[in-house]
Amino acid sequence: MTLPVWHPESLAARLPFLRRRGKLTAATRRFFTDRGYTEVETPYAVPTPGEEVHLATFRTERVHPDGRTEPLWLHTSPEFAMKRLLVAGAGPIFQLARVWRNNEGSARHAPEFTMLEWYRPGADMDSLIAETTAFLRDVLPPVVTSAGVRTDLSFIERLTVADAFRRYAGADVLATAGDAAALASASGARLREGETWEDLFFRLLLERIEPHLGRDYPTFLTHWPAAQAALARRSPDDPRVAERFELFVGGIELANAFVELTDPVEQRTRFVEDRARRHAMYGADWPMDEDFLAALSHGMPPSAGIALGFDRLAMLAAGADRIGQVLWLPPGDLA
């Protein structure tokens, strides 16, 4: 019989992991304040929770004192709000934010979780990778273990998406961009009925590539196809790719980062395309974030930023195997 999460024995089993999480939180704040970052707090209930195509959200409602009602959503990331602060001149900034993503729950996913995000004006991909590496080495043990995967932080791997597809899927992912049949042929995959190039891209990424990443040492997977990086700047060296990376540690996808797109015209175009795809699949939802686009038009400094799953980082710090072990009151199905 599974004990309820409030039972003393249940908490006692989680307590060593939770105490390690507390030390991690303190070390994180110290790392960023020592580097000149300011900790910020931004609203959780917002008119526009993001523009990601596939993320499910939680809807709520504000009732104004005069009786008017306003639909709001719990944000999936504080990114839009923090970029407004960059426009205002607040950076460099960081936040430990609660975020919500509906329809999620597994050993590594919770519907409500903590995201560590930080943004530095003037940073590029190389400097952000260097800072992220320094952060990992500052707050984690030299070797981390989770779910039987042992990872040494003394060395890092940098691998482009194109090189990863060549190495593990045998395909030139950039040459086949937009052509699902060509990508299927090059990779030896059977194209499923109705499967788009993007669908196949992520299936190959999940099945053939990610199982090899961030295991013996951390892997920074860089330079994503431009269509898979809606908030990142295109690479000046190859416009087919965007300056985005994902970080894998302990076999866990830990972080997602961009050299930020600051062009309001291109950002609007990408939002329109993503919204059309999302609405075609899931129906109409929230309005376009015109205030965010207005902020970009005012002028956001060249910046790089990263969103890191703090609960997953706590799993690595504490040697936990499940996300519920590092949550004070996990949902019953994650305990």
C-alpha atoms as a PDB file:
ATOM      1  CA  MET A   1       0.000   0.000   0.000  1.00  0.00           C
ATOM      2  CA  THR A   2       1.366   3.444  -0.978  1.00  0.00           C
ATOM      3  CA  LEU A   3       1.495   5.916   1.886  1.00  0.00           C
ATOM      4  CA  PRO A   4       0.003   9.408   1.381  1.00  0.00           C
ATOM      5  CA  VAL A   5       2.631  12.090   0.802  1.00  0.00           C
ATOM      6  CA  TRP A   6       1.814  13.729   4.148  1.00  0.00           C
ATOM      7  CA  HIS A   7       2.551  10.539   6.114  1.00  0.00           C
ATOM      8  CA  PRO A   8       5.646  10.884   8.350  1.00  0.00           C
ATOM      9  CA  GLU A   9       7.274   7.815   6.810  1.00  0.00           C
ATOM     10  CA  SER A  10       6.696   9.163   3.310  1.00  0.00           C
ATOM     11  CA  LEU A  11       8.303  12.501   4.136  1.00  0.00           C
ATOM     12  CA  ALA A  12      11.160  10.767   5.986  1.00  0.00           C
ATOM     13  CA  ALA A  13      12.005   8.891   2.777  1.00  0.00           C
ATOM     14  CA  ARG A  14      12.145  12.153   0.807  1.00  0.00           C
ATOM     15  CA  LEU A  15      13.808  14.295   3.452  1.00  0.00           C
ATOM     16  CA  PRO A  16      17.485  13.569   2.549  1.00  0.00           C
ATOM     17  CA  PHE A  17      16.756  14.558  -1.057  1.00  0.00           C
ATOM     18  CA  LEU A  18      14.819  17.654   0.038  1.00  0.00           C
ATOM     19  CA  ARG A  19      17.591  18.839   2.355  1.00  0.00           C
ATOM     20  CA  ARG A  20      20.047  18.503  -0.516  1.00  0.00           C
ATOM     21  CA  ARG A  21      17.625  20.510  -2.651  1.00  0.00           C
ATOM     22  CA  GLY A  22      17.654  23.283  -0.059  1.00  0.00           C
ATOM     23  CA  LYS A  23      21.454  23.489  -0.212  1.00  0.00           C
ATOM     24  CA  LEU A  24      21.246  23.544  -4.015  1.00  0.00           C
ATOM     25  CA  THR A  25      18.826  26.478  -3.917  1.00  0.00           C
ATOM     26  CA  ALA A  26      21.150  28.462  -1.656  1.00  0.00           C
ATOM     27  CA  ALA A  27      24.183  27.629  -3.825  1.00  0.00           C
ATOM     28  CA  THR A  28      22.305  28.686  -6.957  1.00  0.00           C
ATOM     29  CA  ARG A  29      21.407  32.078  -5.533  1.00  0.00           C
ATOM     30  CA  ARG A  30      24.984  32.588  -4.344  1.00  0.00           C
ATOM     31  CA  PHE A  31      26.421  31.643  -7.763  1.00  0.00           C
ATOM     32  CA  PHE A  32      24.344  34.200  -9.645  1.00  0.00           C
ATOM     33  CA  THR A  33      24.514  37.053  -7.131  1.00  0.00           C
ATOM     34  CA  ASP A  34      28.313  36.653  -6.991  1.00  0.00           C
ATOM     35  CA  ARG A  35      28.325  37.114 -10.791  1.00  0.00           C
ATOM     36  CA  GLY A  36      26.355  40.330 -10.661  1.00  0.00           C
ATOM     37  CA  TYR A  37      22.895  38.943 -11.456  1.00  0.00           C
ATOM     38  CA  THR A  38      19.737  40.332  -9.869  1.00  0.00           C
ATOM     39  CA  GLU A  39      17.036  37.902  -8.759  1.00  0.00           C
ATOM     40  CA  VAL A  40      13.612  38.903 -10.102  1.00  0.00           C
ATOM     41  CA  GLU A  41      10.008  37.774  -9.686  1.00  0.00           C
ATOM     42  CA  THR A  42       7.442  38.006 -12.467  1.00  0.00           C
ATOM     43  CA  PRO A  43       3.688  37.215 -12.590  1.00  0.00           C
ATOM     44  CA  TYR A  44       2.596  33.598 -12.812  1.00  0.00           C
ATOM     45  CA  ALA A  45      -0.931  34.214 -14.150  1.00  0.00           C
ATOM     46  CA  VAL A  46      -0.577  35.982 -17.500  1.00  0.00           C
ATOM     47  CA  PRO A  47      -2.680  36.884 -20.569  1.00  0.00           C
ATOM     48  CA  THR A  48      -0.335  34.893 -22.857  1.00  0.00           C
ATOM     49  CA  PRO A  49       1.471  31.869 -21.362  1.00  0.00           C
ATOM     50  CA  GLY A  50       3.799  31.278 -24.338  1.00  0.00           C
ATOM     51  CA  GLU A  51       3.614  30.375 -27.996  1.00  0.00           C
ATOM     52  CA  GLU A  52       4.981  26.821 -27.976  1.00  0.00           C
ATOM     53  CA  VAL A  53       2.967  24.641 -30.324  1.00  0.00           C
ATOM     54  CA  HIS A  54       2.619  21.519 -28.186  1.00  0.00           C
ATOM     55  CA  LEU A  55       2.648  22.668 -24.544  1.00  0.00           C
ATOM     56  CA  ALA A  56      -0.684  22.297 -22.743  1.00  0.00           C
ATOM     57  CA  THR A  57      -1.623  25.014 -20.251  1.00  0.00           C
ATOM     58  CA  PHE A  58      -3.734  25.670 -17.144  1.00  0.00           C
ATOM     59  CA  ARG A  59      -6.468  28.304 -17.574  1.00  0.00           C
ATOM     60  CA  THR A  60      -7.730  30.571 -14.807  1.00  0.00           C
ATOM     61  CA  GLU A  61      -9.649  33.846 -14.527  1.00  0.00           C
ATOM     62  CA  ARG A  62      -9.212  37.184 -12.825  1.00  0.00           C
ATOM     63  CA  VAL A  63     -12.301  38.931 -11.472  1.00  0.00           C
ATOM     64  CA  HIS A  64     -11.757  42.708 -11.293  1.00  0.00           C
ATOM     65  CA  PRO A  65     -13.229  44.814  -8.470  1.00  0.00           C
ATOM     66  CA  ASP A  66     -15.812  46.225 -10.904  1.00  0.00           C
ATOM     67  CA  GLY A  67     -16.970  42.709 -11.819  1.00  0.00           C
ATOM     68  CA  ARG A  68     -15.181  42.441 -15.161  1.00  0.00           C
ATOM     69  CA  THR A  69     -13.550  39.086 -15.836  1.00  0.00           C
ATOM     70  CA  GLU A  70     -10.293  38.475 -17.632  1.00  0.00           C
ATOM     71  CA  PRO A  71      -9.035  35.066 -18.819  1.00  0.00           C
ATOM     72  CA  LEU A  72      -5.508  34.286 -17.666  1.00  0.00           C
ATOM     73  CA  TRP A  73      -3.193  31.299 -17.964  1.00  0.00           C
ATOM     74  CA  LEU A  74      -0.513  29.966 -15.640  1.00  0.00           C
ATOM     75  CA  HIS A  75       2.715  30.577 -17.493  1.00  0.00           C
ATOM     76  CA  THR A  76       4.777  27.751 -18.974  1.00  0.00           C
ATOM     77  CA  SER A  77       7.934  29.858 -18.591  1.00  0.00           C
ATOM     78  CA  PRO A  78       8.803  33.349 -17.305  1.00  0.00           C
ATOM     79  CA  GLU A  79      10.683  34.045 -20.565  1.00  0.00           C
ATOM     80  CA  PHE A  80       8.437  36.734 -22.049  1.00  0.00           C
ATOM     81  CA  ALA A  81       8.267  38.613 -18.749  1.00  0.00           C
ATOM     82  CA  MET A  82      12.012  38.456 -18.153  1.00  0.00           C
ATOM     83  CA  LYS A  83      12.731  39.725 -21.658  1.00  0.00           C
ATOM     84  CA  ARG A  84      10.499  42.728 -20.935  1.00  0.00           C
ATOM     85  CA  LEU A  85      12.810  43.419 -17.987  1.00  0.00           C
ATOM     86  CA  LEU A  86      15.839  43.183 -20.294  1.00  0.00           C
ATOM     87  CA  VAL A  87      14.228  45.869 -22.449  1.00  0.00           C
ATOM     88  CA  ALA A  88      13.733  47.963 -19.306  1.00  0.00           C
ATOM     89  CA  GLY A  89      17.433  47.649 -18.438  1.00  0.00           C
ATOM     90  CA  ALA A  90      17.272  45.178 -15.538  1.00  0.00           C
ATOM     91  CA  GLY A  91      19.707  42.551 -16.815  1.00  0.00           C
ATOM     92  CA  PRO A  92      21.613  40.413 -16.049  1.00  0.00           C
ATOM     93  CA  ILE A  93      18.767  38.681 -14.222  1.00  0.00           C
ATOM     94  CA  PHE A  94      17.762  35.255 -12.901  1.00  0.00           C
ATOM     95  CA  GLN A  95      14.587  33.714 -11.472  1.00  0.00           C
ATOM     96  CA  LEU A  96      13.551  30.536  -9.688  1.00  0.00           C
ATOM     97  CA  ALA A  97       9.981  30.438 -10.986  1.00  0.00           C
ATOM     98  CA  ARG A  98       7.088  28.054 -10.516  1.00  0.00           C
ATOM     99  CA  VAL A  99       5.748  27.068 -13.923  1.00  0.00           C
ATOM    100  CA  TRP A 100       2.867  24.886 -15.109  1.00  0.00           C
ATOM    101  CA  ARG A 101       2.541  22.477 -18.026  1.00  0.00           C
ATOM    102  CA  ASN A 102      -0.631  20.453 -18.261  1.00  0.00           C
ATOM    103  CA  ASN A 103      -0.900  16.823 -19.341  1.00  0.00           C
ATOM    104  CA  GLU A 104       2.528  15.945 -17.907  1.00  0.00           C
ATOM    105  CA  GLY A 105       3.561  13.455 -15.246  1.00  0.00           C
ATOM    106  CA  SER A 106       6.355  10.866 -15.167  1.00  0.00           C
ATOM    107  CA  ALA A 107       9.602  10.057 -13.401  1.00  0.00           C
ATOM    108  CA  ARG A 108      11.038  13.311 -14.835  1.00  0.00           C
ATOM    109  CA  HIS A 109       7.917  15.425 -15.430  1.00  0.00           C
ATOM    110  CA  ALA A 110       5.543  17.164 -13.027  1.00  0.00           C
ATOM    111  CA  PRO A 111       2.643  19.410 -14.041  1.00  0.00           C
ATOM    112  CA  GLU A 112       3.872  22.106 -11.613  1.00  0.00           C
ATOM    113  CA  PHE A 113       7.612  22.532 -11.236  1.00  0.00           C
ATOM    114  CA  THR A 114      10.452  25.009 -10.726  1.00  0.00           C
ATOM    115  CA  MET A 115      12.319  26.564 -13.619  1.00  0.00           C
ATOM    116  CA  LEU A 116      15.629  28.362 -13.200  1.00  0.00           C
ATOM    117  CA  GLU A 117      16.003  30.966 -15.941  1.00  0.00           C
ATOM    118  CA  TRP A 118      18.775  33.483 -16.431  1.00  0.00           C
ATOM    119  CA  TYR A 119      19.522  36.099 -19.086  1.00  0.00           C
ATOM    120  CA  ARG A 120      22.684  38.102 -19.699  1.00  0.00           C
ATOM    121  CA  PRO A 121      22.866  41.033 -22.103  1.00  0.00           C
ATOM    122  CA  GLY A 122      25.869  40.758 -24.414  1.00  0.00           C
ATOM    123  CA  ALA A 123      26.267  37.006 -23.957  1.00  0.00           C
ATOM    124  CA  ASP A 124      26.685  34.675 -26.943  1.00  0.00           C
ATOM    125  CA  MET A 125      26.393  30.906 -27.242  1.00  0.00           C
ATOM    126  CA  ASP A 126      29.999  30.216 -26.267  1.00  0.00           C
ATOM    127  CA  SER A 127      29.871  32.401 -23.159  1.00  0.00           C
ATOM    128  CA  LEU A 128      26.510  30.947 -22.097  1.00  0.00           C
ATOM    129  CA  ILE A 129      27.828  27.390 -22.467  1.00  0.00           C
ATOM    130  CA  ALA A 130      30.888  28.368 -20.426  1.00  0.00           C
ATOM    131  CA  GLU A 131      28.743  29.944 -17.697  1.00  0.00           C
ATOM    132  CA  THR A 132      26.358  26.974 -17.614  1.00  0.00           C
ATOM    133  CA  THR A 133      29.312  24.603 -17.279  1.00  0.00           C
ATOM    134  CA  ALA A 134      30.721  26.702 -14.441  1.00  0.00           C
ATOM    135  CA  PHE A 135      27.320  26.659 -12.725  1.00  0.00           C
ATOM    136  CA  LEU A 136      27.023  22.867 -12.931  1.00  0.00           C
ATOM    137  CA  ARG A 137      30.500  22.392 -11.515  1.00  0.00           C
ATOM    138  CA  ASP A 138      29.825  24.886  -8.718  1.00  0.00           C
ATOM    139  CA  VAL A 139      26.534  23.439  -7.429  1.00  0.00           C
ATOM    140  CA  LEU A 140      26.824  19.709  -8.242  1.00  0.00           C
ATOM    141  CA  PRO A 141      29.242  17.001  -7.103  1.00  0.00           C
ATOM    142  CA  PRO A 142      32.092  16.232  -9.569  1.00  0.00           C
ATOM    143  CA  VAL A 143      30.261  13.019 -10.519  1.00  0.00           C
ATOM    144  CA  VAL A 144      26.461  12.728 -10.476  1.00  0.00           C
ATOM    145  CA  THR A 145      24.309   9.611 -10.604  1.00  0.00           C
ATOM    146  CA  SER A 146      20.590   9.292 -11.328  1.00  0.00           C
ATOM    147  CA  ALA A 147      18.592   6.233 -12.359  1.00  0.00           C
ATOM    148  CA  GLY A 148      21.815   4.259 -12.754  1.00  0.00           C
ATOM    149  CA  VAL A 149      23.489   6.774 -15.100  1.00  0.00           C
ATOM    150  CA  ARG A 150      26.866   8.058 -13.883  1.00  0.00           C
ATOM    151  CA  THR A 151      28.090  11.353 -15.376  1.00  0.00           C
ATOM    152  CA  ASP A 152      31.495  12.991 -14.884  1.00  0.00           C
ATOM    153  CA  LEU A 153      31.334  16.796 -15.018  1.00  0.00           C
ATOM    154  CA  SER A 154      35.057  17.295 -15.601  1.00  0.00           C
ATOM    155  CA  PHE A 155      34.565  17.135 -19.384  1.00  0.00           C
ATOM    156  CA  ILE A 156      31.776  18.389 -21.661  1.00  0.00           C
ATOM    157  CA  GLU A 157      30.751  17.443 -25.189  1.00  0.00           C
ATOM    158  CA  ARG A 158      29.520  19.958 -27.767  1.00  0.00           C
ATOM    159  CA  LEU A 159      27.591  18.394 -30.632  1.00  0.00           C
ATOM    160  CA  THR A 160      25.551  20.106 -33.344  1.00  0.00           C
ATOM    161  CA  VAL A 161      22.141  18.701 -34.238  1.00  0.00           C
ATOM    162  CA  ALA A 162      23.393  18.057 -37.768  1.00  0.00           C
ATOM    163  CA  ASP A 163      26.385  16.075 -36.474  1.00  0.00           C
ATOM    164  CA  ALA A 164      24.160  14.148 -34.051  1.00  0.00           C
ATOM    165  CA  PHE A 165      21.812  13.111 -36.874  1.00  0.00           C
ATOM    166  CA  ARG A 166      24.764  12.041 -39.034  1.00  0.00           C
ATOM    167  CA  ARG A 167      26.296  10.065 -36.169  1.00  0.00           C
ATOM    168  CA  TYR A 168      23.225   8.358 -34.741  1.00  0.00           C
ATOM    169  CA  ALA A 169      20.596   8.454 -37.513  1.00  0.00           C
ATOM    170  CA  GLY A 170      22.776   8.379 -40.627  1.00  0.00           C
ATOM    171  CA  ALA A 171      20.940  11.368 -42.122  1.00  0.00           C
ATOM    172  CA  ASP A 172      21.731  14.899 -43.304  1.00  0.00           C
ATOM    173  CA  VAL A 173      18.951  16.602 -41.381  1.00  0.00           C
ATOM    174  CA  LEU A 174      19.538  20.049 -42.895  1.00  0.00           C
ATOM    175  CA  ALA A 175      19.585  18.846 -46.498  1.00  0.00           C
ATOM    176  CA  THR A 176      16.226  17.113 -45.962  1.00  0.00           C
ATOM    177  CA  ALA A 177      14.579  19.999 -44.066  1.00  0.00           C
ATOM    178  CA  GLY A 178      10.861  20.080 -44.777  1.00  0.00           C
ATOM    179  CA  ASP A 179      10.896  16.822 -46.776  1.00  0.00           C
ATOM    180  CA  ALA A 180       9.670  14.014 -44.536  1.00  0.00           C
ATOM    181  CA  ALA A 181      10.110  11.329 -47.197  1.00  0.00           C
ATOM    182  CA  ALA A 182      13.735  12.360 -47.792  1.00  0.00           C
ATOM    183  CA  LEU A 183      14.540  12.294 -44.073  1.00  0.00           C
ATOM    184  CA  ALA A 184      12.867   8.893 -43.712  1.00  0.00           C
ATOM    185  CA  SER A 185      14.845   7.501 -46.649  1.00  0.00           C
ATOM    186  CA  ALA A 186      18.157   8.898 -45.418  1.00  0.00           C
ATOM    187  CA  SER A 187      17.652   7.578 -41.880  1.00  0.00           C
ATOM    188  CA  GLY A 188      16.163   4.221 -42.871  1.00  0.00           C
ATOM    189  CA  ALA A 189      12.997   5.016 -40.904  1.00  0.00           C
ATOM    190  CA  ARG A 190       9.521   3.995 -41.983  1.00  0.00           C
ATOM    191  CA  LEU A 191       7.418   7.115 -42.512  1.00  0.00           C
ATOM    192  CA  ARG A 192       4.143   6.814 -40.618  1.00  0.00           C
ATOM    193  CA  GLU A 193       0.835   7.852 -42.105  1.00  0.00           C
ATOM    194  CA  GLY A 194       0.387  11.606 -41.781  1.00  0.00           C
ATOM    195  CA  GLU A 195       3.845  12.080 -40.247  1.00  0.00           C
ATOM    196  CA  THR A 196       5.405  15.455 -41.062  1.00  0.00           C
ATOM    197  CA  TRP A 197       9.090  16.270 -41.304  1.00  0.00           C
ATOM    198  CA  GLU A 198       8.910  17.855 -37.858  1.00  0.00           C
ATOM    199  CA  ASP A 199       7.179  14.778 -36.419  1.00  0.00           C
ATOM    200  CA  LEU A 200       9.875  12.515 -37.841  1.00  0.00           C
ATOM    201  CA  PHE A 201      12.639  14.884 -36.697  1.00  0.00           C
ATOM    202  CA  PHE A 202      11.481  14.635 -33.091  1.00  0.00           C
ATOM    203  CA  ARG A 203      10.851  10.885 -33.300  1.00  0.00           C
ATOM    204  CA  LEU A 204      14.411  10.285 -34.484  1.00  0.00           C
ATOM    205  CA  LEU A 205      15.724  12.706 -31.885  1.00  0.00           C
ATOM    206  CA  LEU A 206      13.878  10.873 -29.113  1.00  0.00           C
ATOM    207  CA  GLU A 207      14.518   7.302 -30.279  1.00  0.00           C
ATOM    208  CA  ARG A 208      18.009   7.419 -31.790  1.00  0.00           C
ATOM    209  CA  ILE A 209      19.841  10.481 -30.538  1.00  0.00           C
ATOM    210  CA  GLU A 210      18.815  11.451 -27.004  1.00  0.00           C
ATOM    211  CA  PRO A 211      19.611   7.977 -25.548  1.00  0.00           C
ATOM    212  CA  HIS A 212      23.292   8.700 -26.348  1.00  0.00           C
ATOM    213  CA  LEU A 213      23.482  12.210 -24.890  1.00  0.00           C
ATOM    214  CA  GLY A 214      24.705  13.408 -21.515  1.00  0.00           C
ATOM    215  CA  ARG A 215      25.621  10.030 -20.147  1.00  0.00           C
ATOM    216  CA  ASP A 216      29.383   9.723 -19.547  1.00  0.00           C
ATOM    217  CA  TYR A 217      29.652  13.539 -19.515  1.00  0.00           C
ATOM    218  CA  PRO A 218      27.335  16.511 -20.157  1.00  0.00           C
ATOM    219  CA  THR A 219      26.336  17.149 -23.775  1.00  0.00           C
ATOM    220  CA  PHE A 220      25.442  20.528 -25.251  1.00  0.00           C
ATOM    221  CA  LEU A 221      23.364  19.838 -28.380  1.00  0.00           C
ATOM    222  CA  THR A 222      23.732  23.010 -30.463  1.00  0.00           C
ATOM    223  CA  HIS A 223      22.642  24.733 -33.687  1.00  0.00           C
ATOM    224  CA  TRP A 224      19.088  23.522 -34.161  1.00  0.00           C
ATOM    225  CA  PRO A 225      17.189  23.753 -37.451  1.00  0.00           C
ATOM    226  CA  ALA A 226      15.705  27.257 -37.539  1.00  0.00           C
ATOM    227  CA  ALA A 227      12.125  25.919 -37.561  1.00  0.00           C
ATOM    228  CA  GLN A 228      12.780  24.296 -34.145  1.00  0.00           C
ATOM    229  CA  ALA A 229      13.941  27.483 -32.428  1.00  0.00           C
ATOM    230  CA  ALA A 230      11.124  30.030 -32.522  1.00  0.00           C
ATOM    231  CA  LEU A 231      12.732  32.425 -30.023  1.00  0.00           C
ATOM    232  CA  ALA A 232      16.376  32.069 -31.088  1.00  0.00           C
ATOM    233  CA  ARG A 233      18.442  34.138 -33.511  1.00  0.00           C
ATOM    234  CA  ARG A 234      19.479  32.518 -36.782  1.00  0.00           C
ATOM    235  CA  SER A 235      23.171  31.710 -37.003  1.00  0.00           C
ATOM    236  CA  PRO A 236      25.105  34.348 -38.972  1.00  0.00           C
ATOM    237  CA  ASP A 237      27.259  31.499 -40.359  1.00  0.00           C
ATOM    238  CA  ASP A 238      24.364  29.306 -41.577  1.00  0.00           C
ATOM    239  CA  PRO A 239      20.799  30.701 -41.736  1.00  0.00           C
ATOM    240  CA  ARG A 240      19.421  27.149 -41.869  1.00  0.00           C
ATOM    241  CA  VAL A 241      20.136  26.824 -38.139  1.00  0.00           C
ATOM    242  CA  ALA A 242      19.427  28.902 -35.051  1.00  0.00           C
ATOM    243  CA  GLU A 243      21.657  29.615 -32.080  1.00  0.00           C
ATOM    244  CA  ARG A 244      19.923  27.277 -29.680  1.00  0.00           C
ATOM    245  CA  PHE A 245      21.282  24.515 -27.458  1.00  0.00           C
ATOM    246  CA  GLU A 246      19.840  21.869 -25.198  1.00  0.00           C
ATOM    247  CA  LEU A 247      21.833  20.451 -22.292  1.00  0.00           C
ATOM    248  CA  PHE A 248      21.777  16.785 -21.274  1.00  0.00           C
ATOM    249  CA  VAL A 249      23.269  15.549 -17.989  1.00  0.00           C
ATOM    250  CA  GLY A 250      22.860  12.110 -16.450  1.00  0.00           C
ATOM    251  CA  GLY A 251      20.852  11.080 -19.487  1.00  0.00           C
ATOM    252  CA  ILE A 252      18.332  13.834 -18.574  1.00  0.00           C
ATOM    253  CA  GLU A 253      17.315  16.760 -20.767  1.00  0.00           C
ATOM    254  CA  LEU A 254      18.172  19.520 -18.308  1.00  0.00           C
ATOM    255  CA  ALA A 255      18.044  22.889 -20.101  1.00  0.00           C
ATOM    256  CA  ASN A 256      17.095  24.767 -23.249  1.00  0.00           C
ATOM    257  CA  ALA A 257      18.909  27.950 -24.281  1.00  0.00           C
ATOM    258  CA  PHE A 258      18.847  30.624 -26.973  1.00  0.00           C
ATOM    259  CA  VAL A 259      20.899  33.462 -28.262  1.00  0.00           C
ATOM    260  CA  GLU A 260      17.784  35.588 -28.230  1.00  0.00           C
ATOM    261  CA  LEU A 261      15.890  36.803 -31.247  1.00  0.00           C
ATOM    262  CA  THR A 262      15.514  40.582 -30.892  1.00  0.00           C
ATOM    263  CA  ASP A 263      13.966  41.435 -34.292  1.00  0.00           C
ATOM    264  CA  PRO A 264      10.256  42.203 -33.636  1.00  0.00           C
ATOM    265  CA  VAL A 265       9.257  41.685 -37.282  1.00  0.00           C
ATOM    266  CA  GLU A 266      10.778  38.226 -37.510  1.00  0.00           C
ATOM    267  CA  GLN A 267       9.454  37.363 -34.047  1.00  0.00           C
ATOM    268  CA  ARG A 268       5.921  38.290 -35.073  1.00  0.00           C
ATOM    269  CA  THR A 269       6.228  36.168 -38.215  1.00  0.00           C
ATOM    270  CA  ARG A 270       7.340  33.163 -36.171  1.00  0.00           C
ATOM    271  CA  PHE A 271       4.538  33.683 -33.647  1.00  0.00           C
ATOM    272  CA  VAL A 272       1.946  33.827 -36.425  1.00  0.00           C
ATOM    273  CA  GLU A 273       3.262  30.567 -37.912  1.00  0.00           C
ATOM    274  CA  ASP A 274       3.351  28.781 -34.533  1.00  0.00           C
ATOM    275  CA  ARG A 275      -0.102  30.028 -33.580  1.00  0.00           C
ATOM    276  CA  ALA A 276      -1.558  28.802 -36.873  1.00  0.00           C
ATOM    277  CA  ARG A 277      -0.098  25.327 -36.324  1.00  0.00           C
ATOM    278  CA  ARG A 278      -1.238  25.198 -32.683  1.00  0.00           C
ATOM    279  CA  HIS A 279      -4.759  26.370 -33.467  1.00  0.00           C
ATOM    280  CA  ALA A 280      -5.064  23.863 -36.316  1.00  0.00           C
ATOM    281  CA  MET A 281      -4.233  21.032 -33.897  1.00  0.00           C
ATOM    282  CA  TYR A 282      -5.731  22.184 -30.604  1.00  0.00           C
ATOM    283  CA  GLY A 283      -8.139  25.061 -31.315  1.00  0.00           C
ATOM    284  CA  ALA A 284      -8.111  28.774 -30.507  1.00  0.00           C
ATOM    285  CA  ASP A 285      -6.619  29.926 -27.225  1.00  0.00           C
ATOM    286  CA  TRP A 286      -5.067  33.210 -26.005  1.00  0.00           C
ATOM    287  CA  PRO A 287      -4.396  36.484 -27.829  1.00  0.00           C
ATOM    288  CA  MET A 288      -1.082  37.403 -29.404  1.00  0.00           C
ATOM    289  CA  ASP A 289       1.277  38.964 -26.853  1.00  0.00           C
ATOM    290  CA  GLU A 290       1.301  42.422 -28.405  1.00  0.00           C
ATOM    291  CA  ASP A 291       2.883  43.930 -25.307  1.00  0.00           C
ATOM    292  CA  PHE A 292       5.894  41.632 -25.657  1.00  0.00           C
ATOM    293  CA  LEU A 293       6.243  42.513 -29.341  1.00  0.00           C
ATOM    294  CA  ALA A 294       5.995  46.203 -28.436  1.00  0.00           C
ATOM    295  CA  ALA A 295       8.827  45.715 -25.955  1.00  0.00           C
ATOM    296  CA  LEU A 296      10.955  44.102 -28.665  1.00  0.00           C
ATOM    297  CA  SER A 297      10.169  47.026 -30.955  1.00  0.00           C
ATOM    298  CA  HIS A 298      11.339  49.416 -28.244  1.00  0.00           C
ATOM    299  CA  GLY A 299      14.649  47.556 -28.273  1.00  0.00           C
ATOM    300  CA  MET A 300      15.962  44.503 -26.434  1.00  0.00           C
ATOM    301  CA  PRO A 301      19.735  44.315 -26.026  1.00  0.00           C
ATOM    302  CA  PRO A 302      21.566  41.411 -27.683  1.00  0.00           C
ATOM    303  CA  SER A 303      21.314  38.680 -25.041  1.00  0.00           C
ATOM    304  CA  ALA A 304      21.465  34.974 -24.375  1.00  0.00           C
ATOM    305  CA  GLY A 305      19.218  33.125 -21.956  1.00  0.00           C
ATOM    306  CA  ILE A 306      18.570  29.659 -20.623  1.00  0.00           C
ATOM    307  CA  ALA A 307      15.710  27.755 -18.960  1.00  0.00           C
ATOM    308  CA  LEU A 308      16.869  24.911 -16.692  1.00  0.00           C
ATOM    309  CA  GLY A 309      14.620  22.385 -14.961  1.00  0.00           C
ATOM    310  CA  PHE A 310      15.517  22.950 -11.318  1.00  0.00           C
ATOM    311  CA  ASP A 311      13.759  19.828 -10.017  1.00  0.00           C
ATOM    312  CA  ARG A 312      15.799  17.721 -12.438  1.00  0.00           C
ATOM    313  CA  LEU A 313      18.940  19.510 -11.284  1.00  0.00           C
ATOM    314  CA  ALA A 314      17.945  18.615  -7.719  1.00  0.00           C
ATOM    315  CA  MET A 315      17.580  14.975  -8.781  1.00  0.00           C
ATOM    316  CA  LEU A 316      21.173  15.029 -10.027  1.00  0.00           C
ATOM    317  CA  ALA A 317      22.449  16.827  -6.934  1.00  0.00           C
ATOM    318  CA  ALA A 318      20.754  14.378  -4.564  1.00  0.00           C
ATOM    319  CA  GLY A 319      21.118  11.174  -6.577  1.00  0.00           C
ATOM    320  CA  ALA A 320      17.341  10.799  -6.873  1.00  0.00           C
ATOM    321  CA  ASP A 321      15.750   8.577  -9.495  1.00  0.00           C
ATOM    322  CA  ARG A 322      12.283  10.189  -9.631  1.00  0.00           C
ATOM    323  CA  ILE A 323      11.154  13.793  -9.606  1.00  0.00           C
ATOM    324  CA  GLY A 324       8.712  13.082  -6.772  1.00  0.00           C
ATOM    325  CA  GLN A 325      11.645  12.427  -4.451  1.00  0.00           C
ATOM    326  CA  VAL A 326      12.739  16.081  -4.649  1.00  0.00           C
ATOM    327  CA  LEU A 327       9.244  17.613  -4.237  1.00  0.00           C
ATOM    328  CA  TRP A 328       7.952  18.479  -0.766  1.00  0.00           C
ATOM    329  CA  LEU A 329       4.379  17.423  -1.600  1.00  0.00           C
ATOM    330  CA  PRO A 330       4.416  15.595  -4.933  1.00  0.00           C
ATOM    331  CA  PRO A 331       1.158  14.675  -6.680  1.00  0.00           C
ATOM    332  CA  GLY A 332       0.027  11.233  -5.578  1.00  0.00           C
ATOM    333  CA  ASP A 333       0.897   9.608  -8.908  1.00  0.00           C
ATOM    334  CA  LEU A 334       4.482  10.963  -8.697  1.00  0.00           C
ATOM    335  CA  ALA A 335       5.189  10.175  -5.038  1.00  0.00           C
END
